[in-house]
Amino acid sequence: MNVIIIGAGIMGTTFATLAKELAPELDVTILERLDHAGAGNSWVFNNAGTGHEANCELNYTPVDEEVISVEKALKIHAQFNVAKQFWAHLVETGAVQDPTTFINRTKHCTIVSESAIEELRLRFKEMSAHHFFEHMQYSEDFDEIKSWIPYLMEERPRDQKMAATVIETGTDVNFGALTEQMAKHAVEKLGVKIEYGTHVKRVHRSPTGRWLIEAQQHGRAIQHKADVLFVGAGGGAFPLLKKSHLPFRSRFSGFPVGGRFLQAPISAEQAEYYRAKTYGKAAVGAPPMSVPHLDLRVADGQHYLLFGPFASFKPVLEKGRGFLDYLRSMRLHDIPGLLNVALEHFPLVKYLVSETFKGEKSMFEELENFAPGMSKKFNWRAVEAGQRVQIIKDGDLQMGTEILVSSDKTYGTLLGASPGASVSPEVMLRCLEQMMPSIFAKEEAQQRKKEIFPEDNLETLSQDAERYRAIRDAANKTLGIA
């Protein structure tokens, strides 16, 4: 079977690696627009690098009339622990020689001001009762919070009422470094082919029923044919879906959201002093990706602080592509959905437009508000992050991700953003199960899957505390984050 994957980011590369691990007989080729794997949204400073497992993100536990929902948090945490099993497998098989090149233990903290203390207290009560979050700590004591996140508290008035939670076993993940190593292993050991500098322009059915992929490769037109096609191209998945002629294509369109961060290099000693990712509460009307946070980042052995993100409305599908690409991806049937989003989510649109024109002075003011004294302590500079394209489905704005698979199982794609890369192995495993169920009917594939994922059942992880702890501890030990 000939399988073509569009996009050599964390999703496409994970899909290719899993497919070849489970079914070595597959002929797998990845087509990538850029010149190396993981160079798009997966690159280290195109995302916050948080190993999202709902330890610190308030938007994963929404509150409605003083009732907090933790279902989304539980699912994401379970998915991340499936992801860690896959990454541990990469370490055990030598695909990744040193796990510290991509994953490092980093405290996950949440801090709120007086107006949100009751919400955080409720969140802590509900979450710490579950074995996923049994090690979560809560405090309203200034000195204890300062011991967790010193940079945020050093110059804050002691009489300012605050509350915080911490989980010591969070992670910082360099998804770009992980993707590069995984792609190298997939090519050298698994027989995956990757064609870089290949910009796919159109996908459609050929008369024989196979998928015809039309692309530009270093300026010349090329074609590929595929029995099975998976599009893992981030925002670039939307225009390809539109050109696929699949019946559900008219239900979906894209709402692009850009972002910037303030970045500062720090020493290893300063990193050890802070070593945390600290999330706050998003401004009213702000999208989930705009929750303010101050993060320790590790990239190629160097340490950085990252603060943001500062969202923007930037009508491009991917970083490095132009407005015309976005315009060409639109269809007449997309216009009502866009107008509906503009009306239904006017505060969001207003917020994004205002953020787009925010200068560095205002960015530093937000940093000072979040962490007093920090703007003068380090050498900060503004950097542009990756481009996220949220889903508009049936005219409604969606903030998650969605797997789409054609009825004949020959076309699959992933649309949307957060939590994205953090749960990519679990999401790609489900995508493979939907697209190529015949693989999983074979005993060898099932055995191989069990070797890679000792426990991939999210319900089992959520309900069986001892099983979860055993799986978590084994993966953490292999990854060096125990």
Protein backbone atom coordinates (compact mmCIF):
# COMPACT_ATOMS: atom_id res chain seq x y z
CA MET A 1 0.00 0.00 0.00
CA ASN A 2 1.31 3.42 -0.95
CA VAL A 3 0.86 6.06 1.78
CA ILE A 4 1.56 9.76 1.23
CA ILE A 5 1.80 12.16 4.19
CA ILE A 6 1.75 15.92 3.69
CA GLY A 7 3.76 17.72 6.35
CA ALA A 8 6.90 16.68 8.26
CA GLY A 9 5.93 18.35 11.51
CA ILE A 10 5.28 16.49 14.76
CA MET A 11 1.94 15.11 13.48
CA GLY A 12 3.03 13.88 10.05
CA THR A 13 6.31 12.44 11.32
CA THR A 14 4.57 10.66 14.20
CA PHE A 15 1.97 9.25 11.78
CA ALA A 16 4.72 7.97 9.46
CA THR A 17 6.75 6.44 12.31
CA LEU A 18 3.77 4.66 13.83
CA ALA A 19 2.57 3.40 10.44
CA LYS A 20 5.96 1.85 9.61
CA GLU A 21 6.45 0.44 13.12
CA LEU A 22 3.06 -1.29 12.98
CA ALA A 23 3.11 -2.26 9.28
CA PRO A 24 6.69 -2.35 7.88
CA GLU A 25 5.37 -3.42 4.46
CA LEU A 26 3.81 0.02 3.84
CA ASP A 27 5.44 2.35 1.31
CA VAL A 28 5.45 5.68 3.15
CA THR A 29 6.50 9.08 1.74
CA ILE A 30 6.33 12.48 3.45
CA LEU A 31 6.10 15.66 1.38
CA GLU A 32 7.34 18.76 3.25
CA ARG A 33 7.19 22.38 2.10
CA LEU A 34 10.17 23.50 4.20
CA ASP A 35 13.78 22.30 4.10
CA HIS A 36 13.82 20.09 7.20
CA ALA A 37 11.50 18.27 9.57
CA GLY A 38 9.83 20.13 12.41
CA ALA A 39 10.57 23.56 10.95
CA GLY A 40 6.99 24.87 11.08
CA ASN A 41 4.78 25.08 14.16
CA SER A 42 6.77 22.25 15.75
CA TRP A 43 9.95 24.36 15.89
CA VAL A 44 11.03 25.17 19.44
CA PHE A 45 10.10 28.88 19.50
CA ASN A 46 6.99 28.57 17.35
CA ASN A 47 5.16 27.17 20.38
CA ALA A 48 5.34 27.44 24.17
CA GLY A 49 6.80 23.95 24.58
CA THR A 50 4.51 23.05 27.46
CA GLY A 51 3.96 19.34 27.82
CA HIS A 52 0.20 19.90 28.01
CA GLU A 53 -1.33 17.53 30.54
CA ALA A 54 -3.76 19.98 32.17
CA ASN A 55 -1.55 20.60 35.21
CA CYS A 56 -1.72 24.38 34.97
CA GLU A 57 -4.05 25.51 32.16
CA LEU A 58 -7.24 27.06 33.53
CA ASN A 59 -8.92 26.96 30.11
CA TYR A 60 -8.97 23.13 30.31
CA THR A 61 -11.26 23.34 33.37
CA PRO A 62 -14.06 25.78 32.47
CA VAL A 63 -16.37 27.08 35.17
CA ASP A 64 -20.10 27.50 34.55
CA GLU A 65 -22.19 28.97 37.36
CA GLU A 66 -19.66 27.91 40.01
CA VAL A 67 -19.54 24.34 38.68
CA ILE A 68 -16.14 23.32 37.37
CA SER A 69 -15.73 20.77 34.58
CA VAL A 70 -12.62 18.58 34.69
CA GLU A 71 -13.50 16.12 31.90
CA LYS A 72 -11.33 17.84 29.29
CA ALA A 73 -8.42 18.02 31.73
CA LEU A 74 -8.66 14.31 32.48
CA LYS A 75 -8.70 13.40 28.79
CA ILE A 76 -5.70 15.58 27.93
CA HIS A 77 -3.72 14.24 30.88
CA ALA A 78 -4.41 10.66 29.81
CA GLN A 79 -3.49 11.47 26.20
CA PHE A 80 -0.18 12.99 27.29
CA ASN A 81 0.65 9.86 29.24
CA VAL A 82 0.03 7.82 26.09
CA ALA A 83 2.40 10.23 24.31
CA LYS A 84 5.09 9.67 26.94
CA GLN A 85 4.90 5.92 26.34
CA PHE A 86 5.63 6.47 22.64
CA TRP A 87 8.50 8.85 23.34
CA ALA A 88 9.93 6.39 25.87
CA HIS A 89 9.77 3.75 23.12
CA LEU A 90 11.79 6.06 20.85
CA VAL A 91 14.45 6.31 23.56
CA GLU A 92 14.48 2.55 24.20
CA THR A 93 14.91 1.76 20.49
CA GLY A 94 17.66 4.34 19.97
CA ALA A 95 15.63 6.67 17.77
CA VAL A 96 16.40 9.30 20.41
CA GLN A 97 19.80 8.91 22.02
CA ASP A 98 19.37 11.44 24.82
CA PRO A 99 15.88 12.37 26.07
CA THR A 100 17.15 15.67 27.52
CA THR A 101 17.52 16.90 23.92
CA PHE A 102 13.73 17.23 23.78
CA ILE A 103 12.11 16.76 27.22
CA ASN A 104 13.04 18.24 30.59
CA ARG A 105 11.30 18.21 33.94
CA THR A 106 9.79 21.62 34.70
CA LYS A 107 7.29 22.62 37.39
CA HIS A 108 3.81 23.45 36.12
CA CYS A 109 2.23 26.26 38.13
CA THR A 110 -0.93 28.34 38.06
CA ILE A 111 -1.13 31.76 39.72
CA VAL A 112 -4.20 33.97 40.08
CA SER A 113 -5.06 37.27 41.73
CA GLU A 114 -7.74 37.82 44.36
CA SER A 115 -10.69 37.79 41.93
CA ALA A 116 -9.96 34.22 40.79
CA ILE A 117 -8.82 32.64 44.07
CA GLU A 118 -12.12 30.85 44.62
CA GLU A 119 -11.98 29.41 41.09
CA LEU A 120 -8.45 28.08 41.64
CA ARG A 121 -9.41 26.67 45.04
CA LEU A 122 -12.34 24.84 43.45
CA ARG A 123 -10.11 23.60 40.62
CA PHE A 124 -7.57 22.26 43.10
CA LYS A 125 -10.27 20.50 45.17
CA GLU A 126 -11.76 18.74 42.13
CA MET A 127 -8.49 17.84 40.41
CA SER A 128 -6.38 16.75 43.39
CA ALA A 129 -9.08 14.23 44.29
CA HIS A 130 -8.19 12.33 41.09
CA HIS A 131 -5.04 10.18 40.92
CA PHE A 132 -3.86 12.09 37.82
CA PHE A 133 -3.32 15.18 39.95
CA GLU A 134 -2.78 13.68 43.41
CA HIS A 135 0.56 15.51 43.80
CA MET A 136 -0.89 18.96 43.07
CA GLN A 137 -0.25 21.49 45.85
CA TYR A 138 -2.25 24.64 46.61
CA SER A 139 -1.23 27.71 48.59
CA GLU A 140 -2.20 31.28 49.36
CA ASP A 141 0.95 31.82 51.43
CA PHE A 142 3.33 34.39 49.92
CA ASP A 143 6.55 32.66 50.98
CA GLU A 144 5.45 29.22 49.86
CA ILE A 145 4.39 30.51 46.44
CA LYS A 146 7.69 32.37 46.19
CA SER A 147 9.57 29.12 46.82
CA TRP A 148 7.79 27.64 43.78
CA ILE A 149 8.06 30.57 41.37
CA PRO A 150 10.56 33.11 42.75
CA TYR A 151 10.77 35.38 39.70
CA LEU A 152 7.05 36.13 39.88
CA MET A 153 7.12 37.00 43.58
CA GLU A 154 10.43 38.77 44.26
CA GLU A 155 9.10 42.30 43.73
CA ARG A 156 5.40 41.68 44.34
CA PRO A 157 3.88 43.42 47.41
CA ARG A 158 3.48 40.93 50.27
CA ASP A 159 -0.03 42.18 51.02
CA GLN A 160 -1.27 41.39 47.50
CA LYS A 161 -3.67 38.45 47.73
CA MET A 162 -2.67 35.60 45.42
CA ALA A 163 -3.20 31.86 45.11
CA ALA A 164 -1.17 29.26 43.25
CA THR A 165 -0.92 25.57 42.50
CA VAL A 166 2.13 23.55 41.54
CA ILE A 167 2.87 20.11 40.13
CA GLU A 168 6.57 19.31 40.31
CA THR A 169 6.53 16.70 37.53
CA GLY A 170 5.54 18.88 34.58
CA THR A 171 7.68 19.07 31.44
CA ASP A 172 9.17 21.41 28.87
CA VAL A 173 9.20 19.78 25.42
CA ASN A 174 11.22 20.82 22.37
CA PHE A 175 8.91 19.40 19.71
CA GLY A 176 11.19 20.56 16.90
CA ALA A 177 14.16 18.57 18.23
CA LEU A 178 11.92 15.55 18.81
CA THR A 179 10.55 15.75 15.27
CA GLU A 180 14.01 16.06 13.70
CA GLN A 181 15.30 12.98 15.52
CA MET A 182 12.16 10.99 14.78
CA ALA A 183 12.35 11.90 11.07
CA LYS A 184 16.03 10.88 10.88
CA HIS A 185 15.20 7.52 12.47
CA ALA A 186 12.18 7.03 10.19
CA VAL A 187 14.33 7.54 7.08
CA GLU A 188 17.44 5.62 8.17
CA LYS A 189 15.87 2.71 10.07
CA LEU A 190 12.25 2.41 8.95
CA GLY A 191 12.53 3.18 5.24
CA VAL A 192 10.32 6.28 5.19
CA LYS A 193 11.06 8.68 2.32
CA ILE A 194 10.92 12.46 2.88
CA GLU A 195 10.91 14.96 0.02
CA TYR A 196 11.75 18.45 1.28
CA GLY A 197 11.07 21.70 -0.57
CA THR A 198 7.81 20.23 -1.84
CA HIS A 199 4.79 22.55 -1.70
CA VAL A 200 1.59 20.61 -2.32
CA LYS A 201 -0.88 22.73 -4.26
CA ARG A 202 -3.81 20.38 -4.84
CA VAL A 203 -5.07 16.91 -4.00
CA HIS A 204 -7.90 15.20 -5.85
CA ARG A 205 -9.12 11.83 -7.02
CA SER A 206 -7.64 10.34 -10.16
CA PRO A 207 -9.92 8.36 -12.54
CA THR A 208 -8.56 5.13 -11.00
CA GLY A 209 -9.74 6.17 -7.53
CA ARG A 210 -6.28 6.87 -6.15
CA TRP A 211 -5.31 10.27 -4.76
CA LEU A 212 -3.39 12.52 -7.12
CA ILE A 213 -1.08 15.00 -5.37
CA GLU A 214 0.05 17.98 -7.43
CA ALA A 215 3.03 19.90 -6.04
CA GLN A 216 5.89 22.29 -6.75
CA GLN A 217 9.30 20.91 -5.84
CA HIS A 218 12.10 23.47 -5.98
CA GLY A 219 10.21 25.35 -8.68
CA ARG A 220 9.19 22.43 -10.91
CA ALA A 221 5.82 20.71 -11.11
CA ILE A 222 5.64 17.12 -9.81
CA GLN A 223 2.91 14.59 -9.11
CA HIS A 224 2.47 11.72 -6.66
CA LYS A 225 -0.20 9.06 -6.43
CA ALA A 226 -1.38 7.53 -3.18
CA ASP A 227 -3.66 4.74 -2.03
CA VAL A 228 -3.93 6.48 1.33
CA LEU A 229 -3.36 10.21 1.95
CA PHE A 230 -2.88 11.88 5.33
CA VAL A 231 -2.68 15.67 5.51
CA GLY A 232 -0.87 16.86 8.62
CA ALA A 233 0.05 20.28 7.31
CA GLY A 234 -1.20 22.56 10.10
CA GLY A 235 -3.07 25.52 8.63
CA GLY A 236 -2.13 24.25 5.17
CA ALA A 237 -4.60 21.38 5.65
CA PHE A 238 -7.58 23.69 5.10
CA PRO A 239 -7.03 24.66 1.42
CA LEU A 240 -6.12 21.06 0.55
CA LEU A 241 -9.36 19.87 2.14
CA LYS A 242 -11.27 22.42 0.06
CA LYS A 243 -9.71 21.07 -3.14
CA SER A 244 -10.31 17.42 -2.24
CA HIS A 245 -14.00 17.46 -3.32
CA LEU A 246 -14.87 15.40 -0.24
CA PRO A 247 -18.50 15.95 0.82
CA PHE A 248 -17.67 17.30 4.29
CA ARG A 249 -15.23 19.94 3.01
CA SER A 250 -17.89 22.68 2.99
CA ARG A 251 -18.50 22.26 6.74
CA PHE A 252 -15.03 23.50 7.65
CA SER A 253 -13.05 26.69 7.23
CA GLY A 254 -10.11 28.24 9.05
CA PHE A 255 -9.79 31.13 11.50
CA PRO A 256 -6.09 32.09 11.72
CA VAL A 257 -4.55 33.36 14.95
CA GLY A 258 -0.94 34.52 15.14
CA GLY A 259 1.22 35.11 18.17
CA ARG A 260 4.36 36.70 19.59
CA PHE A 261 6.44 36.13 22.71
CA LEU A 262 9.01 38.04 24.71
CA GLN A 263 12.17 35.93 24.89
CA ALA A 264 15.25 36.29 27.09
CA PRO A 265 18.37 34.08 27.33
CA ILE A 266 19.33 33.09 30.89
CA SER A 267 22.13 31.15 32.54
CA ALA A 268 21.93 27.57 33.77
CA GLU A 269 22.02 28.88 37.36
CA GLN A 270 19.09 31.23 36.69
CA ALA A 271 17.19 28.39 35.03
CA GLU A 272 17.71 26.18 38.08
CA TYR A 273 16.45 29.01 40.31
CA TYR A 274 13.15 29.29 38.42
CA ARG A 275 12.59 26.02 36.47
CA ALA A 276 8.86 26.47 35.97
CA LYS A 277 6.07 27.18 33.54
CA THR A 278 3.60 29.48 35.26
CA TYR A 279 0.17 30.07 33.75
CA GLY A 280 -2.26 32.81 34.68
CA LYS A 281 -5.84 33.60 33.69
CA ALA A 282 -6.70 34.81 30.20
CA ALA A 283 -8.17 38.26 29.67
CA VAL A 284 -11.90 38.46 29.00
CA GLY A 285 -12.55 37.74 25.31
CA ALA A 286 -9.06 36.33 24.74
CA PRO A 287 -8.65 32.99 22.91
CA PRO A 288 -7.36 29.98 24.91
CA MET A 289 -3.94 30.23 23.23
CA SER A 290 -3.54 33.70 24.82
CA VAL A 291 -3.41 32.60 28.46
CA PRO A 292 -0.39 34.53 29.83
CA HIS A 293 2.48 32.39 31.01
CA LEU A 294 6.14 32.73 31.96
CA ASP A 295 8.04 29.66 30.82
CA LEU A 296 11.47 28.18 31.17
CA ARG A 297 12.54 26.84 27.76
CA VAL A 298 15.46 24.58 26.88
CA ALA A 299 16.71 24.68 23.28
CA ASP A 300 19.92 22.98 22.14
CA GLY A 301 21.26 23.02 25.68
CA GLN A 302 20.59 26.75 26.15
CA HIS A 303 18.05 28.18 28.60
CA TYR A 304 15.50 30.90 27.91
CA LEU A 305 12.54 32.59 29.52
CA LEU A 306 9.49 33.06 27.35
CA PHE A 307 6.54 35.30 28.21
CA GLY A 308 3.32 35.65 26.28
CA PRO A 309 1.72 34.87 24.01
CA PHE A 310 0.53 38.10 22.45
CA ALA A 311 -2.14 37.09 19.97
CA SER A 312 -2.79 38.73 16.63
CA PHE A 313 -5.17 38.41 13.74
CA LYS A 314 -2.87 37.56 10.88
CA PRO A 315 -4.72 36.15 7.84
CA VAL A 316 -2.11 33.60 6.77
CA LEU A 317 -2.30 29.83 6.97
CA GLU A 318 1.27 29.15 8.04
CA LYS A 319 4.28 31.20 9.08
CA GLY A 320 6.14 32.18 5.91
CA ARG A 321 3.08 32.03 3.65
CA GLY A 322 1.21 35.08 2.38
CA PHE A 323 -2.29 36.50 2.59
CA LEU A 324 -3.06 35.41 -0.99
CA ASP A 325 -2.71 31.76 0.01
CA TYR A 326 -5.37 32.29 2.68
CA LEU A 327 -7.60 34.17 0.25
CA ARG A 328 -7.31 31.41 -2.37
CA SER A 329 -8.32 28.85 0.23
CA MET A 330 -11.67 30.55 0.78
CA ARG A 331 -14.91 29.49 -0.91
CA LEU A 332 -18.23 31.29 -1.15
CA HIS A 333 -19.78 28.83 1.30
CA ASP A 334 -17.16 29.88 3.90
CA ILE A 335 -18.34 33.50 4.02
CA PRO A 336 -21.49 32.95 6.17
CA GLY A 337 -19.43 31.04 8.73
CA LEU A 338 -16.83 33.80 8.94
CA LEU A 339 -19.53 36.44 9.31
CA ASN A 340 -21.20 34.38 12.03
CA VAL A 341 -17.92 34.10 13.95
CA ALA A 342 -17.36 37.84 13.59
CA LEU A 343 -20.82 38.51 15.09
CA GLU A 344 -20.96 35.75 17.72
CA HIS A 345 -17.37 36.27 18.86
CA PHE A 346 -17.06 40.02 18.38
CA PRO A 347 -15.12 40.51 21.67
CA LEU A 348 -12.58 37.94 20.42
CA VAL A 349 -12.22 39.66 17.05
CA LYS A 350 -11.86 43.05 18.77
CA TYR A 351 -9.26 41.58 21.12
CA LEU A 352 -7.22 40.07 18.27
CA VAL A 353 -7.24 43.30 16.28
CA SER A 354 -6.11 45.31 19.31
CA GLU A 355 -3.37 42.76 20.08
CA THR A 356 -2.15 42.92 16.48
CA PHE A 357 -1.12 46.56 16.93
CA LYS A 358 0.36 46.15 20.41
CA GLY A 359 3.90 47.50 20.59
CA GLU A 360 6.82 46.33 22.72
CA LYS A 361 6.09 48.97 25.38
CA SER A 362 2.66 47.44 26.01
CA MET A 363 4.15 43.93 25.94
CA PHE A 364 6.63 44.90 28.67
CA GLU A 365 3.80 46.43 30.71
CA GLU A 366 1.96 43.08 30.61
CA LEU A 367 5.12 41.29 31.67
CA GLU A 368 5.53 43.70 34.59
CA ASN A 369 1.92 43.17 35.62
CA PHE A 370 2.37 39.39 35.55
CA ALA A 371 5.87 39.31 37.09
CA PRO A 372 6.90 42.62 38.68
CA GLY A 373 10.52 43.57 38.06
CA MET A 374 11.08 41.02 35.32
CA SER A 375 11.19 43.43 32.38
CA LYS A 376 14.38 45.04 33.72
CA LYS A 377 16.02 41.88 34.98
CA PHE A 378 16.76 40.25 31.60
CA ASN A 379 17.53 41.17 28.01
CA TRP A 380 14.12 40.62 26.41
CA ARG A 381 13.25 40.76 22.73
CA ALA A 382 10.01 40.15 20.85
CA VAL A 383 9.90 37.02 18.69
CA GLU A 384 7.19 35.82 16.34
CA ALA A 385 5.61 32.48 17.17
CA GLY A 386 3.91 30.02 14.86
CA GLN A 387 0.56 30.47 13.17
CA ARG A 388 -2.49 28.59 14.46
CA VAL A 389 -5.64 28.10 12.40
CA GLN A 390 -8.69 27.37 14.53
CA ILE A 391 -11.63 25.42 13.15
CA ILE A 392 -14.87 27.01 12.02
CA LYS A 393 -17.29 24.08 11.82
CA ASP A 394 -20.84 24.60 10.56
CA GLY A 395 -20.40 28.31 11.25
CA ASP A 396 -19.22 27.88 14.86
CA LEU A 397 -15.70 28.56 16.13
CA GLN A 398 -14.05 25.50 17.68
CA MET A 399 -11.00 25.74 19.96
CA GLY A 400 -9.82 22.12 19.85
CA THR A 401 -8.69 19.66 17.20
CA GLU A 402 -10.66 17.29 14.99
CA ILE A 403 -9.71 14.21 13.00
CA LEU A 404 -11.51 13.92 9.66
CA VAL A 405 -11.51 10.65 7.70
CA SER A 406 -13.27 10.04 4.38
CA SER A 407 -15.96 7.34 4.23
CA ASP A 408 -13.68 5.05 2.19
CA LYS A 409 -10.82 5.61 4.69
CA THR A 410 -8.35 6.77 2.02
CA TYR A 411 -8.12 10.42 3.15
CA GLY A 412 -7.43 11.70 6.64
CA THR A 413 -6.49 15.04 8.10
CA LEU A 414 -6.15 16.80 11.42
CA LEU A 415 -7.59 20.30 11.80
CA GLY A 416 -7.22 22.77 14.66
CA ALA A 417 -4.68 23.58 17.35
CA SER A 418 -4.35 23.09 21.14
CA PRO A 419 -3.30 20.80 22.77
CA GLY A 420 -1.80 19.62 19.48
CA ALA A 421 1.80 18.43 19.66
CA SER A 422 1.58 17.29 23.30
CA VAL A 423 -0.94 14.59 22.46
CA SER A 424 0.26 13.82 18.92
CA PRO A 425 1.10 10.11 19.45
CA GLU A 426 -2.34 9.31 20.88
CA VAL A 427 -4.13 11.35 18.21
CA MET A 428 -2.10 9.81 15.37
CA LEU A 429 -2.70 6.32 16.74
CA ARG A 430 -6.46 6.95 16.63
CA CYS A 431 -6.13 8.37 13.13
CA LEU A 432 -4.30 5.24 11.97
CA GLU A 433 -6.94 3.02 13.58
CA GLN A 434 -9.65 4.85 11.65
CA MET A 435 -7.84 5.02 8.31
CA MET A 436 -6.16 1.61 8.18
CA PRO A 437 -8.14 -0.77 10.41
CA SER A 438 -6.82 -3.78 8.47
CA ILE A 439 -3.39 -3.21 10.02
CA PHE A 440 -4.77 -3.65 13.53
CA ALA A 441 -6.53 -6.89 12.58
CA LYS A 442 -3.11 -8.56 12.38
CA GLU A 443 -1.74 -10.22 15.49
CA GLU A 444 1.81 -8.96 14.82
CA ALA A 445 0.61 -5.35 14.68
CA GLN A 446 -1.36 -5.73 17.90
CA GLN A 447 1.69 -7.19 19.62
CA ARG A 448 3.87 -4.39 18.29
CA LYS A 449 1.34 -1.80 19.43
CA LYS A 450 1.44 -3.28 22.93
CA GLU A 451 5.22 -2.94 22.96
CA ILE A 452 5.00 0.72 21.97
CA PHE A 453 1.95 1.57 24.10
CA PRO A 454 1.72 -0.71 27.16
CA GLU A 455 -1.57 1.06 27.97
CA ASP A 456 -3.28 3.29 25.41
CA ASN A 457 -6.83 3.02 26.79
CA LEU A 458 -7.68 6.46 28.17
CA GLU A 459 -10.51 5.11 30.30
CA THR A 460 -8.24 2.55 31.97
CA LEU A 461 -5.65 5.22 32.78
CA SER A 462 -8.40 7.42 34.22
CA GLN A 463 -10.10 4.73 36.29
CA ASP A 464 -7.29 2.38 37.35
CA ALA A 465 -4.98 4.36 39.63
CA GLU A 466 -2.38 1.62 40.11
CA ARG A 467 -2.16 0.90 36.38
CA TYR A 468 -1.77 4.60 35.64
CA ARG A 469 0.99 5.04 38.23
CA ALA A 470 2.91 2.05 36.90
CA ILE A 471 2.68 3.30 33.30
CA ARG A 472 3.54 6.89 34.26
CA ASP A 473 6.52 5.95 36.42
CA ALA A 474 8.01 3.60 33.82
CA ALA A 475 7.79 6.20 31.06
CA ASN A 476 9.12 8.97 33.31
CA LYS A 477 12.11 6.85 34.29
CA THR A 478 13.02 6.13 30.66
CA LEU A 479 12.58 9.80 29.74
CA GLY A 480 14.71 10.96 32.66
CA ILE A 481 11.94 13.01 34.28
CA ALA A 482 11.11 10.74 37.24
